[in-house]
Amino acid sequence: MSSELHAPEALHAALTALGNTLGDEKYALVGGSACTALGSERATQDIDFVVLRGQTPAVRQLLRDSPDFEVQAKTYHTWYRGAEPVDIEILAPPALFREKSLTKQPK
């Protein structure tokens, strides 16, 4: 991961590309990039986002297929290819956090 802090403008460009690339995939931004997406002027080093368990390979393929991102074959190191490259971290939740149905179950 890069130790360079990115200005909010560079992060907004990368976040926009990420949202466009992921389309209807379920994901959640976390960390400093989530604050930036909500309007914070905080600088951060990368974009971290969480995907549903088991979806990391599919999401990584979407990023690989996009001209906006680079995914290294052996290491899976991922970054946004903008004027200011931004590292991307794909996170998966531990087993403790499994997607649960929001509908009420009969008793």
PDB file of N, CA and C in Angstrom:
ATOM      1  N   MET A   1       0.840  -1.169   0.000  1.00  0.00           N
ATOM      2  CA  MET A   1       0.000   0.000   0.000  1.00  0.00           C
ATOM      3  C   MET A   1       0.887   1.234   0.000  1.00  0.00           C
ATOM      4  N   SER A   2       0.492   2.243  -0.739  1.00  0.00           N
ATOM      5  CA  SER A   2       1.225   3.487  -0.824  1.00  0.00           C
ATOM      6  C   SER A   2       1.065   4.280   0.463  1.00  0.00           C
ATOM      7  N   SER A   3       2.105   5.022   0.841  1.00  0.00           N
ATOM      8  CA  SER A   3       2.006   5.869   2.027  1.00  0.00           C
ATOM      9  C   SER A   3       1.603   7.290   1.643  1.00  0.00           C
ATOM     10  N   GLU A   4       1.371   7.528   0.358  1.00  0.00           N
ATOM     11  CA  GLU A   4       0.994   8.852  -0.131  1.00  0.00           C
ATOM     12  C   GLU A   4      -0.466   9.146   0.200  1.00  0.00           C
ATOM     13  N   LEU A   5      -0.702  10.341   0.751  1.00  0.00           N
ATOM     14  CA  LEU A   5      -2.076  10.770   1.010  1.00  0.00           C
ATOM     15  C   LEU A   5      -2.640  11.400  -0.255  1.00  0.00           C
ATOM     16  N   HIS A   6      -3.877  11.078  -0.563  1.00  0.00           N
ATOM     17  CA  HIS A   6      -4.521  11.595  -1.763  1.00  0.00           C
ATOM     18  C   HIS A   6      -5.517  12.682  -1.403  1.00  0.00           C
ATOM     19  N   ALA A   7      -5.544  13.713  -2.222  1.00  0.00           N
ATOM     20  CA  ALA A   7      -6.501  14.802  -2.039  1.00  0.00           C
ATOM     21  C   ALA A   7      -7.908  14.286  -2.306  1.00  0.00           C
ATOM     22  N   PRO A   8      -8.912  14.918  -1.701  1.00  0.00           N
ATOM     23  CA  PRO A   8     -10.297  14.486  -1.925  1.00  0.00           C
ATOM     24  C   PRO A   8     -10.693  14.424  -3.400  1.00  0.00           C
ATOM     25  N   GLU A   9     -10.171  15.320  -4.229  1.00  0.00           N
ATOM     26  CA  GLU A   9     -10.527  15.320  -5.655  1.00  0.00           C
ATOM     27  C   GLU A   9     -10.097  14.024  -6.335  1.00  0.00           C
ATOM     28  N   ALA A  10      -8.877  13.558  -6.027  1.00  0.00           N
ATOM     29  CA  ALA A  10      -8.383  12.305  -6.613  1.00  0.00           C
ATOM     30  C   ALA A  10      -9.216  11.129  -6.119  1.00  0.00           C
ATOM     31  N   LEU A  11      -9.584  11.161  -4.847  1.00  0.00           N
ATOM     32  CA  LEU A  11     -10.408  10.085  -4.294  1.00  0.00           C
ATOM     33  C   LEU A  11     -11.803  10.092  -4.902  1.00  0.00           C
ATOM     34  N   HIS A  12     -12.367  11.282  -5.109  1.00  0.00           N
ATOM     35  CA  HIS A  12     -13.697  11.357  -5.730  1.00  0.00           C
ATOM     36  C   HIS A  12     -13.678  10.752  -7.134  1.00  0.00           C
ATOM     37  N   ALA A  13     -12.623  11.029  -7.899  1.00  0.00           N
ATOM     38  CA  ALA A  13     -12.516  10.458  -9.249  1.00  0.00           C
ATOM     39  C   ALA A  13     -12.453   8.934  -9.173  1.00  0.00           C
ATOM     40  N   ALA A  14     -11.645   8.419  -8.253  1.00  0.00           N
ATOM     41  CA  ALA A  14     -11.515   6.965  -8.104  1.00  0.00           C
ATOM     42  C   ALA A  14     -12.813   6.347  -7.589  1.00  0.00           C
ATOM     43  N   LEU A  15     -13.478   7.014  -6.648  1.00  0.00           N
ATOM     44  CA  LEU A  15     -14.742   6.503  -6.109  1.00  0.00           C
ATOM     45  C   LEU A  15     -15.832   6.476  -7.172  1.00  0.00           C
ATOM     46  N   THR A  16     -15.862   7.496  -8.021  1.00  0.00           N
ATOM     47  CA  THR A  16     -16.845   7.530  -9.110  1.00  0.00           C
ATOM     48  C   THR A  16     -16.609   6.372 -10.070  1.00  0.00           C
ATOM     49  N   ALA A  17     -15.346   6.159 -10.438  1.00  0.00           N
ATOM     50  CA  ALA A  17     -15.016   5.041 -11.333  1.00  0.00           C
ATOM     51  C   ALA A  17     -15.366   3.706 -10.679  1.00  0.00           C
ATOM     52  N   LEU A  18     -15.105   3.588  -9.382  1.00  0.00           N
ATOM     53  CA  LEU A  18     -15.420   2.351  -8.668  1.00  0.00           C
ATOM     54  C   LEU A  18     -16.924   2.091  -8.684  1.00  0.00           C
ATOM     55  N   GLY A  19     -17.712   3.103  -8.365  1.00  0.00           N
ATOM     56  CA  GLY A  19     -19.168   2.953  -8.370  1.00  0.00           C
ATOM     57  C   GLY A  19     -19.702   2.583  -9.736  1.00  0.00           C
ATOM     58  N   ASN A  20     -19.168   3.222 -10.776  1.00  0.00           N
ATOM     59  CA  ASN A  20     -19.603   2.910 -12.142  1.00  0.00           C
ATOM     60  C   ASN A  20     -19.231   1.487 -12.532  1.00  0.00           C
ATOM     61  N   THR A  21     -18.062   1.047 -12.125  1.00  0.00           N
ATOM     62  CA  THR A  21     -17.593  -0.295 -12.472  1.00  0.00           C
ATOM     63  C   THR A  21     -18.371  -1.379 -11.729  1.00  0.00           C
ATOM     64  N   LEU A  22     -18.648  -1.144 -10.460  1.00  0.00           N
ATOM     65  CA  LEU A  22     -19.327  -2.171  -9.661  1.00  0.00           C
ATOM     66  C   LEU A  22     -20.826  -2.224  -9.911  1.00  0.00           C
ATOM     67  N   GLY A  23     -21.397  -1.166 -10.440  1.00  0.00           N
ATOM     68  CA  GLY A  23     -22.812  -1.179 -10.803  1.00  0.00           C
ATOM     69  C   GLY A  23     -23.708  -1.609  -9.662  1.00  0.00           C
ATOM     70  N   ASP A  24     -24.415  -2.728  -9.832  1.00  0.00           N
ATOM     71  CA  ASP A  24     -25.379  -3.209  -8.839  1.00  0.00           C
ATOM     72  C   ASP A  24     -24.782  -4.157  -7.800  1.00  0.00           C
ATOM     73  N   GLU A  25     -23.468  -4.359  -7.832  1.00  0.00           N
ATOM     74  CA  GLU A  25     -22.836  -5.219  -6.822  1.00  0.00           C
ATOM     75  C   GLU A  25     -23.032  -4.607  -5.440  1.00  0.00           C
ATOM     76  N   LYS A  26     -23.206  -5.454  -4.440  1.00  0.00           N
ATOM     77  CA  LYS A  26     -23.323  -4.975  -3.064  1.00  0.00           C
ATOM     78  C   LYS A  26     -21.921  -4.798  -2.497  1.00  0.00           C
ATOM     79  N   TYR A  27     -21.660  -3.594  -1.966  1.00  0.00           N
ATOM     80  CA  TYR A  27     -20.381  -3.315  -1.330  1.00  0.00           C
ATOM     81  C   TYR A  27     -20.568  -2.160  -0.361  1.00  0.00           C
ATOM     82  N   ALA A  28     -19.607  -1.991   0.527  1.00  0.00           N
ATOM     83  CA  ALA A  28     -19.640  -0.889   1.486  1.00  0.00           C
ATOM     84  C   ALA A  28     -18.261  -0.266   1.569  1.00  0.00           C
ATOM     85  N   LEU A  29     -18.209   1.037   1.394  1.00  0.00           N
ATOM     86  CA  LEU A  29     -16.959   1.756   1.597  1.00  0.00           C
ATOM     87  C   LEU A  29     -16.679   1.816   3.086  1.00  0.00           C
ATOM     88  N   VAL A  30     -15.412   1.703   3.451  1.00  0.00           N
ATOM     89  CA  VAL A  30     -15.023   1.798   4.856  1.00  0.00           C
ATOM     90  C   VAL A  30     -13.787   2.683   4.965  1.00  0.00           C
ATOM     91  N   GLY A  31     -13.532   3.173   6.152  1.00  0.00           N
ATOM     92  CA  GLY A  31     -12.333   3.959   6.394  1.00  0.00           C
ATOM     93  C   GLY A  31     -12.420   5.377   5.866  1.00  0.00           C
ATOM     94  N   GLY A  32     -11.257   5.942   5.607  1.00  0.00           N
ATOM     95  CA  GLY A  32     -11.161   7.334   5.183  1.00  0.00           C
ATOM     96  C   GLY A  32     -11.869   7.633   3.885  1.00  0.00           C
ATOM     97  N   SER A  33     -11.872   6.678   2.959  1.00  0.00           N
ATOM     98  CA  SER A  33     -12.552   6.924   1.677  1.00  0.00           C
ATOM     99  C   SER A  33     -14.060   7.028   1.863  1.00  0.00           C
ATOM    100  N   ALA A  34     -14.608   6.326   2.852  1.00  0.00           N
ATOM    101  CA  ALA A  34     -16.040   6.450   3.150  1.00  0.00           C
ATOM    102  C   ALA A  34     -16.336   7.856   3.650  1.00  0.00           C
ATOM    103  N   CYS A  35     -15.451   8.387   4.486  1.00  0.00           N
ATOM    104  CA  CYS A  35     -15.616   9.766   4.971  1.00  0.00           C
ATOM    105  C   CYS A  35     -15.540  10.752   3.812  1.00  0.00           C
ATOM    106  N   THR A  36     -14.612  10.535   2.893  1.00  0.00           N
ATOM    107  CA  THR A  36     -14.475  11.406   1.725  1.00  0.00           C
ATOM    108  C   THR A  36     -15.735  11.361   0.877  1.00  0.00           C
ATOM    109  N   ALA A  37     -16.290  10.177   0.675  1.00  0.00           N
ATOM    110  CA  ALA A  37     -17.512  10.039  -0.123  1.00  0.00           C
ATOM    111  C   ALA A  37     -18.671  10.805   0.502  1.00  0.00           C
ATOM    112  N   LEU A  38     -18.633  10.963   1.819  1.00  0.00           N
ATOM    113  CA  LEU A  38     -19.697  11.679   2.529  1.00  0.00           C
ATOM    114  C   LEU A  38     -19.402  13.167   2.690  1.00  0.00           C
ATOM    115  N   GLY A  39     -18.313  13.636   2.057  1.00  0.00           N
ATOM    116  CA  GLY A  39     -18.039  15.069   2.045  1.00  0.00           C
ATOM    117  C   GLY A  39     -16.888  15.544   2.903  1.00  0.00           C
ATOM    118  N   SER A  40     -16.220  14.654   3.599  1.00  0.00           N
ATOM    119  CA  SER A  40     -15.085  15.051   4.423  1.00  0.00           C
ATOM    120  C   SER A  40     -13.930  15.503   3.532  1.00  0.00           C
ATOM    121  N   GLU A  41     -13.158  16.441   4.014  1.00  0.00           N
ATOM    122  CA  GLU A  41     -11.961  16.893   3.294  1.00  0.00           C
ATOM    123  C   GLU A  41     -10.729  16.109   3.748  1.00  0.00           C
ATOM    124  N   ARG A  42     -10.949  15.064   4.497  1.00  0.00           N
ATOM    125  CA  ARG A  42      -9.857  14.239   5.012  1.00  0.00           C
ATOM    126  C   ARG A  42      -9.110  13.566   3.864  1.00  0.00           C
ATOM    127  N   ALA A  43      -7.790  13.630   3.904  1.00  0.00           N
ATOM    128  CA  ALA A  43      -6.974  12.916   2.922  1.00  0.00           C
ATOM    129  C   ALA A  43      -6.759  11.490   3.425  1.00  0.00           C
ATOM    130  N   THR A  44      -6.657  10.562   2.507  1.00  0.00           N
ATOM    131  CA  THR A  44      -6.427   9.163   2.882  1.00  0.00           C
ATOM    132  C   THR A  44      -5.518   8.508   1.844  1.00  0.00           C
ATOM    133  N   GLN A  45      -4.990   7.347   2.174  1.00  0.00           N
ATOM    134  CA  GLN A  45      -4.020   6.674   1.314  1.00  0.00           C
ATOM    135  C   GLN A  45      -4.648   5.794   0.249  1.00  0.00           C
ATOM    136  N   ASP A  46      -5.830   5.264   0.513  1.00  0.00           N
ATOM    137  CA  ASP A  46      -6.393   4.293  -0.417  1.00  0.00           C
ATOM    138  C   ASP A  46      -7.904   4.243  -0.276  1.00  0.00           C
ATOM    139  N   ILE A  47      -8.515   3.380  -1.059  1.00  0.00           N
ATOM    140  CA  ILE A  47      -9.950   3.130  -0.965  1.00  0.00           C
ATOM    141  C   ILE A  47     -10.121   1.694  -0.493  1.00  0.00           C
ATOM    142  N   ASP A  48     -10.797   1.547   0.629  1.00  0.00           N
ATOM    143  CA  ASP A  48     -11.106   0.227   1.176  1.00  0.00           C
ATOM    144  C   ASP A  48     -12.598  -0.002   1.026  1.00  0.00           C
ATOM    145  N   PHE A  49     -12.968  -1.171   0.527  1.00  0.00           N
ATOM    146  CA  PHE A  49     -14.385  -1.501   0.486  1.00  0.00           C
ATOM    147  C   PHE A  49     -14.581  -2.981   0.764  1.00  0.00           C
ATOM    148  N   VAL A  50     -15.732  -3.284   1.358  1.00  0.00           N
ATOM    149  CA  VAL A  50     -16.082  -4.646   1.757  1.00  0.00           C
ATOM    150  C   VAL A  50     -17.112  -5.190   0.783  1.00  0.00           C
ATOM    151  N   VAL A  51     -16.923  -6.436   0.365  1.00  0.00           N
ATOM    152  CA  VAL A  51     -17.889  -7.119  -0.497  1.00  0.00           C
ATOM    153  C   VAL A  51     -18.446  -8.322   0.264  1.00  0.00           C
ATOM    154  N   LEU A  52     -19.538  -8.851  -0.217  1.00  0.00           N
ATOM    155  CA  LEU A  52     -20.131 -10.025   0.414  1.00  0.00           C
ATOM    156  C   LEU A  52     -19.169 -11.206   0.351  1.00  0.00           C
ATOM    157  N   ARG A  53     -19.264 -12.075   1.350  1.00  0.00           N
ATOM    158  CA  ARG A  53     -18.407 -13.267   1.364  1.00  0.00           C
ATOM    159  C   ARG A  53     -18.578 -14.045   0.065  1.00  0.00           C
ATOM    160  N   GLY A  54     -17.456 -14.448  -0.502  1.00  0.00           N
ATOM    161  CA  GLY A  54     -17.478 -15.228  -1.733  1.00  0.00           C
ATOM    162  C   GLY A  54     -17.528 -14.401  -3.005  1.00  0.00           C
ATOM    163  N   GLN A  55     -17.669 -13.086  -2.888  1.00  0.00           N
ATOM    164  CA  GLN A  55     -17.791 -12.235  -4.071  1.00  0.00           C
ATOM    165  C   GLN A  55     -16.483 -11.573  -4.496  1.00  0.00           C
ATOM    166  N   THR A  56     -15.428 -11.741  -3.715  1.00  0.00           N
ATOM    167  CA  THR A  56     -14.161 -11.084  -4.041  1.00  0.00           C
ATOM    168  C   THR A  56     -13.676 -11.415  -5.453  1.00  0.00           C
ATOM    169  N   PRO A  57     -13.648 -12.682  -5.890  1.00  0.00           N
ATOM    170  CA  PRO A  57     -13.175 -12.964  -7.253  1.00  0.00           C
ATOM    171  C   PRO A  57     -14.015 -12.277  -8.334  1.00  0.00           C
ATOM    172  N   ALA A  58     -15.324 -12.263  -8.182  1.00  0.00           N
ATOM    173  CA  ALA A  58     -16.193 -11.636  -9.189  1.00  0.00           C
ATOM    174  C   ALA A  58     -15.980 -10.128  -9.234  1.00  0.00           C
ATOM    175  N   VAL A  59     -15.840  -9.519  -8.073  1.00  0.00           N
ATOM    176  CA  VAL A  59     -15.614  -8.072  -8.018  1.00  0.00           C
ATOM    177  C   VAL A  59     -14.240  -7.737  -8.586  1.00  0.00           C
ATOM    178  N   ARG A  60     -13.248  -8.541  -8.253  1.00  0.00           N
ATOM    179  CA  ARG A  60     -11.908  -8.310  -8.794  1.00  0.00           C
ATOM    180  C   ARG A  60     -11.927  -8.414 -10.325  1.00  0.00           C
ATOM    181  N   GLN A  61     -12.712  -9.338 -10.870  1.00  0.00           N
ATOM    182  CA  GLN A  61     -12.810  -9.477 -12.324  1.00  0.00           C
ATOM    183  C   GLN A  61     -13.463  -8.247 -12.947  1.00  0.00           C
ATOM    184  N   LEU A  62     -14.476  -7.691 -12.304  1.00  0.00           N
ATOM    185  CA  LEU A  62     -15.089  -6.457 -12.808  1.00  0.00           C
ATOM    186  C   LEU A  62     -14.055  -5.338 -12.883  1.00  0.00           C
ATOM    187  N   LEU A  63     -13.231  -5.222 -11.852  1.00  0.00           N
ATOM    188  CA  LEU A  63     -12.187  -4.196 -11.853  1.00  0.00           C
ATOM    189  C   LEU A  63     -11.153  -4.486 -12.935  1.00  0.00           C
ATOM    190  N   ARG A  64     -10.791  -5.745 -13.086  1.00  0.00           N
ATOM    191  CA  ARG A  64      -9.812  -6.141 -14.111  1.00  0.00           C
ATOM    192  C   ARG A  64     -10.328  -5.808 -15.517  1.00  0.00           C
ATOM    193  N   ASP A  65     -11.628  -5.974 -15.740  1.00  0.00           N
ATOM    194  CA  ASP A  65     -12.226  -5.719 -17.053  1.00  0.00           C
ATOM    195  C   ASP A  65     -12.403  -4.232 -17.355  1.00  0.00           C
ATOM    196  N   SER A  66     -12.309  -3.400 -16.342  1.00  0.00           N
ATOM    197  CA  SER A  66     -12.504  -1.961 -16.523  1.00  0.00           C
ATOM    198  C   SER A  66     -11.205  -1.282 -16.952  1.00  0.00           C
ATOM    199  N   PRO A  67     -11.281  -0.332 -17.880  1.00  0.00           N
ATOM    200  CA  PRO A  67     -10.080   0.414 -18.255  1.00  0.00           C
ATOM    201  C   PRO A  67      -9.621   1.377 -17.162  1.00  0.00           C
ATOM    202  N   ASP A  68     -10.443   1.584 -16.139  1.00  0.00           N
ATOM    203  CA  ASP A  68     -10.106   2.525 -15.067  1.00  0.00           C
ATOM    204  C   ASP A  68      -9.234   1.921 -13.973  1.00  0.00           C
ATOM    205  N   PHE A  69      -9.081   0.589 -13.972  1.00  0.00           N
ATOM    206  CA  PHE A  69      -8.362  -0.067 -12.887  1.00  0.00           C
ATOM    207  C   PHE A  69      -7.319  -1.032 -13.427  1.00  0.00           C
ATOM    208  N   GLU A  70      -6.304  -1.252 -12.624  1.00  0.00           N
ATOM    209  CA  GLU A  70      -5.265  -2.238 -12.921  1.00  0.00           C
ATOM    210  C   GLU A  70      -5.264  -3.248 -11.780  1.00  0.00           C
ATOM    211  N   VAL A  71      -5.244  -4.533 -12.125  1.00  0.00           N
ATOM    212  CA  VAL A  71      -5.160  -5.605 -11.128  1.00  0.00           C
ATOM    213  C   VAL A  71      -3.976  -6.482 -11.516  1.00  0.00           C
ATOM    214  N   GLN A  72      -2.949  -6.519 -10.676  1.00  0.00           N
ATOM    215  CA  GLN A  72      -1.787  -7.346 -10.982  1.00  0.00           C
ATOM    216  C   GLN A  72      -2.156  -8.817 -10.863  1.00  0.00           C
ATOM    217  N   ALA A  73      -1.697  -9.593 -11.828  1.00  0.00           N
ATOM    218  CA  ALA A  73      -2.085 -11.000 -11.927  1.00  0.00           C
ATOM    219  C   ALA A  73      -1.650 -11.837 -10.727  1.00  0.00           C
ATOM    220  N   LYS A  74      -0.423 -11.704 -10.291  1.00  0.00           N
ATOM    221  CA  LYS A  74       0.085 -12.590  -9.238  1.00  0.00           C
ATOM    222  C   LYS A  74      -0.249 -12.111  -7.829  1.00  0.00           C
ATOM    223  N   THR A  75      -0.242 -10.809  -7.623  1.00  0.00           N
ATOM    224  CA  THR A  75      -0.423 -10.279  -6.266  1.00  0.00           C
ATOM    225  C   THR A  75      -1.823  -9.739  -6.011  1.00  0.00           C
ATOM    226  N   TYR A  76      -2.599  -9.528  -7.059  1.00  0.00           N
ATOM    227  CA  TYR A  76      -3.921  -8.898  -6.981  1.00  0.00           C
ATOM    228  C   TYR A  76      -3.852  -7.450  -6.509  1.00  0.00           C
ATOM    229  N   HIS A  77      -2.643  -6.868  -6.466  1.00  0.00           N
ATOM    230  CA  HIS A  77      -2.536  -5.451  -6.113  1.00  0.00           C
ATOM    231  C   HIS A  77      -3.395  -4.674  -7.111  1.00  0.00           C
ATOM    232  N   THR A  78      -4.270  -3.833  -6.599  1.00  0.00           N
ATOM    233  CA  THR A  78      -5.258  -3.144  -7.428  1.00  0.00           C
ATOM    234  C   THR A  78      -5.149  -1.645  -7.213  1.00  0.00           C
ATOM    235  N   TRP A  79      -5.238  -0.887  -8.303  1.00  0.00           N
ATOM    236  CA  TRP A  79      -5.235   0.562  -8.175  1.00  0.00           C
ATOM    237  C   TRP A  79      -6.047   1.204  -9.291  1.00  0.00           C
ATOM    238  N   TYR A  80      -6.492   2.422  -9.004  1.00  0.00           N
ATOM    239  CA  TYR A  80      -7.200   3.259  -9.967  1.00  0.00           C
ATOM    240  C   TYR A  80      -6.160   3.892 -10.871  1.00  0.00           C
ATOM    241  N   ARG A  81      -6.395   3.882 -12.180  1.00  0.00           N
ATOM    242  CA  ARG A  81      -5.426   4.374 -13.163  1.00  0.00           C
ATOM    243  C   ARG A  81      -5.597   5.853 -13.494  1.00  0.00           C
ATOM    244  N   GLY A  82      -6.089   6.645 -12.615  1.00  0.00           N
ATOM    245  CA  GLY A  82      -6.319   8.060 -12.898  1.00  0.00           C
ATOM    246  C   GLY A  82      -5.027   8.850 -12.975  1.00  0.00           C
ATOM    247  N   ALA A  83      -5.169  10.166 -13.163  1.00  0.00           N
ATOM    248  CA  ALA A  83      -4.009  11.051 -13.200  1.00  0.00           C
ATOM    249  C   ALA A  83      -3.195  10.895 -11.916  1.00  0.00           C
ATOM    250  N   GLU A  84      -3.895  10.632 -10.819  1.00  0.00           N
ATOM    251  CA  GLU A  84      -3.252  10.325  -9.544  1.00  0.00           C
ATOM    252  C   GLU A  84      -3.689   8.914  -9.151  1.00  0.00           C
ATOM    253  N   PRO A  85      -2.851   7.896  -9.372  1.00  0.00           N
ATOM    254  CA  PRO A  85      -3.235   6.521  -9.044  1.00  0.00           C
ATOM    255  C   PRO A  85      -3.586   6.372  -7.563  1.00  0.00           C
ATOM    256  N   VAL A  86      -4.627   5.602  -7.290  1.00  0.00           N
ATOM    257  CA  VAL A  86      -5.093   5.372  -5.919  1.00  0.00           C
ATOM    258  C   VAL A  86      -5.186   3.865  -5.695  1.00  0.00           C
ATOM    259  N   ASP A  87      -4.545   3.383  -4.623  1.00  0.00           N
ATOM    260  CA  ASP A  87      -4.628   1.961  -4.280  1.00  0.00           C
ATOM    261  C   ASP A  87      -6.050   1.598  -3.871  1.00  0.00           C
ATOM    262  N   ILE A  88      -6.458   0.382  -4.243  1.00  0.00           N
ATOM    263  CA  ILE A  88      -7.785  -0.137  -3.931  1.00  0.00           C
ATOM    264  C   ILE A  88      -7.607  -1.418  -3.119  1.00  0.00           C
ATOM    265  N   GLU A  89      -8.305  -1.521  -1.998  1.00  0.00           N
ATOM    266  CA  GLU A  89      -8.267  -2.727  -1.166  1.00  0.00           C
ATOM    267  C   GLU A  89      -9.663  -3.334  -1.118  1.00  0.00           C
ATOM    268  N   ILE A  90      -9.786  -4.585  -1.559  1.00  0.00           N
ATOM    269  CA  ILE A  90     -11.057  -5.309  -1.496  1.00  0.00           C
ATOM    270  C   ILE A  90     -11.028  -6.166  -0.234  1.00  0.00           C
ATOM    271  N   LEU A  91     -11.995  -5.956   0.628  1.00  0.00           N
ATOM    272  CA  LEU A  91     -12.062  -6.683   1.891  1.00  0.00           C
ATOM    273  C   LEU A  91     -13.287  -7.585   1.906  1.00  0.00           C
ATOM    274  N   ALA A  92     -13.170  -8.710   2.577  1.00  0.00           N
ATOM    275  CA  ALA A  92     -14.312  -9.613   2.767  1.00  0.00           C
ATOM    276  C   ALA A  92     -14.552  -9.732   4.262  1.00  0.00           C
ATOM    277  N   PRO A  93     -15.809  -9.766   4.678  1.00  0.00           N
ATOM    278  CA  PRO A  93     -16.090  -9.847   6.112  1.00  0.00           C
ATOM    279  C   PRO A  93     -15.727 -11.218   6.669  1.00  0.00           C
ATOM    280  N   PRO A  94     -15.361 -11.260   7.948  1.00  0.00           N
ATOM    281  CA  PRO A  94     -15.123 -12.562   8.572  1.00  0.00           C
ATOM    282  C   PRO A  94     -16.438 -13.320   8.707  1.00  0.00           C
ATOM    283  N   ALA A  95     -16.359 -14.575   9.036  1.00  0.00           N
ATOM    284  CA  ALA A  95     -17.551 -15.425   9.132  1.00  0.00           C
ATOM    285  C   ALA A  95     -18.580 -14.872  10.112  1.00  0.00           C
ATOM    286  N   LEU A  96     -18.137 -14.096  11.088  1.00  0.00           N
ATOM    287  CA  LEU A  96     -19.044 -13.521  12.072  1.00  0.00           C
ATOM    288  C   LEU A  96     -20.110 -12.646  11.415  1.00  0.00           C
ATOM    289  N   PHE A  97     -19.751 -11.970  10.322  1.00  0.00           N
ATOM    290  CA  PHE A  97     -20.661 -11.053   9.652  1.00  0.00           C
ATOM    291  C   PHE A  97     -21.183 -11.678   8.370  1.00  0.00           C
ATOM    292  N   ARG A  98     -22.244 -12.410   8.455  1.00  0.00           N
ATOM    293  CA  ARG A  98     -22.851 -13.032   7.278  1.00  0.00           C
ATOM    294  C   ARG A  98     -24.096 -12.260   6.910  1.00  0.00           C
ATOM    295  N   GLU A  99     -24.372 -12.188   5.620  1.00  0.00           N
ATOM    296  CA  GLU A  99     -25.573 -11.496   5.174  1.00  0.00           C
ATOM    297  C   GLU A  99     -26.789 -12.242   5.711  1.00  0.00           C
ATOM    298  N   LYS A 100     -27.709 -11.501   6.317  1.00  0.00           N
ATOM    299  CA  LYS A 100     -28.925 -12.102   6.858  1.00  0.00           C
ATOM    300  C   LYS A 100     -30.125 -11.493   6.160  1.00  0.00           C
ATOM    301  N   SER A 101     -31.146 -12.281   6.025  1.00  0.00           N
ATOM    302  CA  SER A 101     -32.380 -11.812   5.414  1.00  0.00           C
ATOM    303  C   SER A 101     -33.021 -10.763   6.302  1.00  0.00           C
ATOM    304  N   LEU A 102     -33.554  -9.717   5.679  1.00  0.00           N
ATOM    305  CA  LEU A 102     -34.222  -8.666   6.426  1.00  0.00           C
ATOM    306  C   LEU A 102     -35.705  -8.951   6.609  1.00  0.00           C
ATOM    307  N   THR A 103     -36.199 -10.016   5.992  1.00  0.00           N
ATOM    308  CA  THR A 103     -37.616 -10.350   6.147  1.00  0.00           C
ATOM    309  C   THR A 103     -37.810 -11.149   7.425  1.00  0.00           C
ATOM    310  N   LYS A 104     -38.973 -10.958   8.040  1.00  0.00           N
ATOM    311  CA  LYS A 104     -39.270 -11.671   9.283  1.00  0.00           C
ATOM    312  C   LYS A 104     -39.562 -13.133   8.982  1.00  0.00           C
ATOM    313  N   GLN A 105     -39.018 -13.974   9.804  1.00  0.00           N
ATOM    314  CA  GLN A 105     -39.242 -15.409   9.672  1.00  0.00           C
ATOM    315  C   GLN A 105     -40.450 -15.795  10.524  1.00  0.00           C
ATOM    316  N   PRO A 106     -41.299 -16.705  10.049  1.00  0.00           N
ATOM    317  CA  PRO A 106     -42.441 -17.142  10.862  1.00  0.00           C
ATOM    318  C   PRO A 106     -41.955 -17.859  12.114  1.00  0.00           C
ATOM    319  N   LYS A 107     -42.723 -17.697  13.186  1.00  0.00           N
ATOM    320  CA  LYS A 107     -42.339 -18.335  14.463  1.00  0.00           C
ATOM    321  C   LYS A 107     -42.918 -19.704  14.583  1.00  0.00           C
TER     322      LYS A 107
END
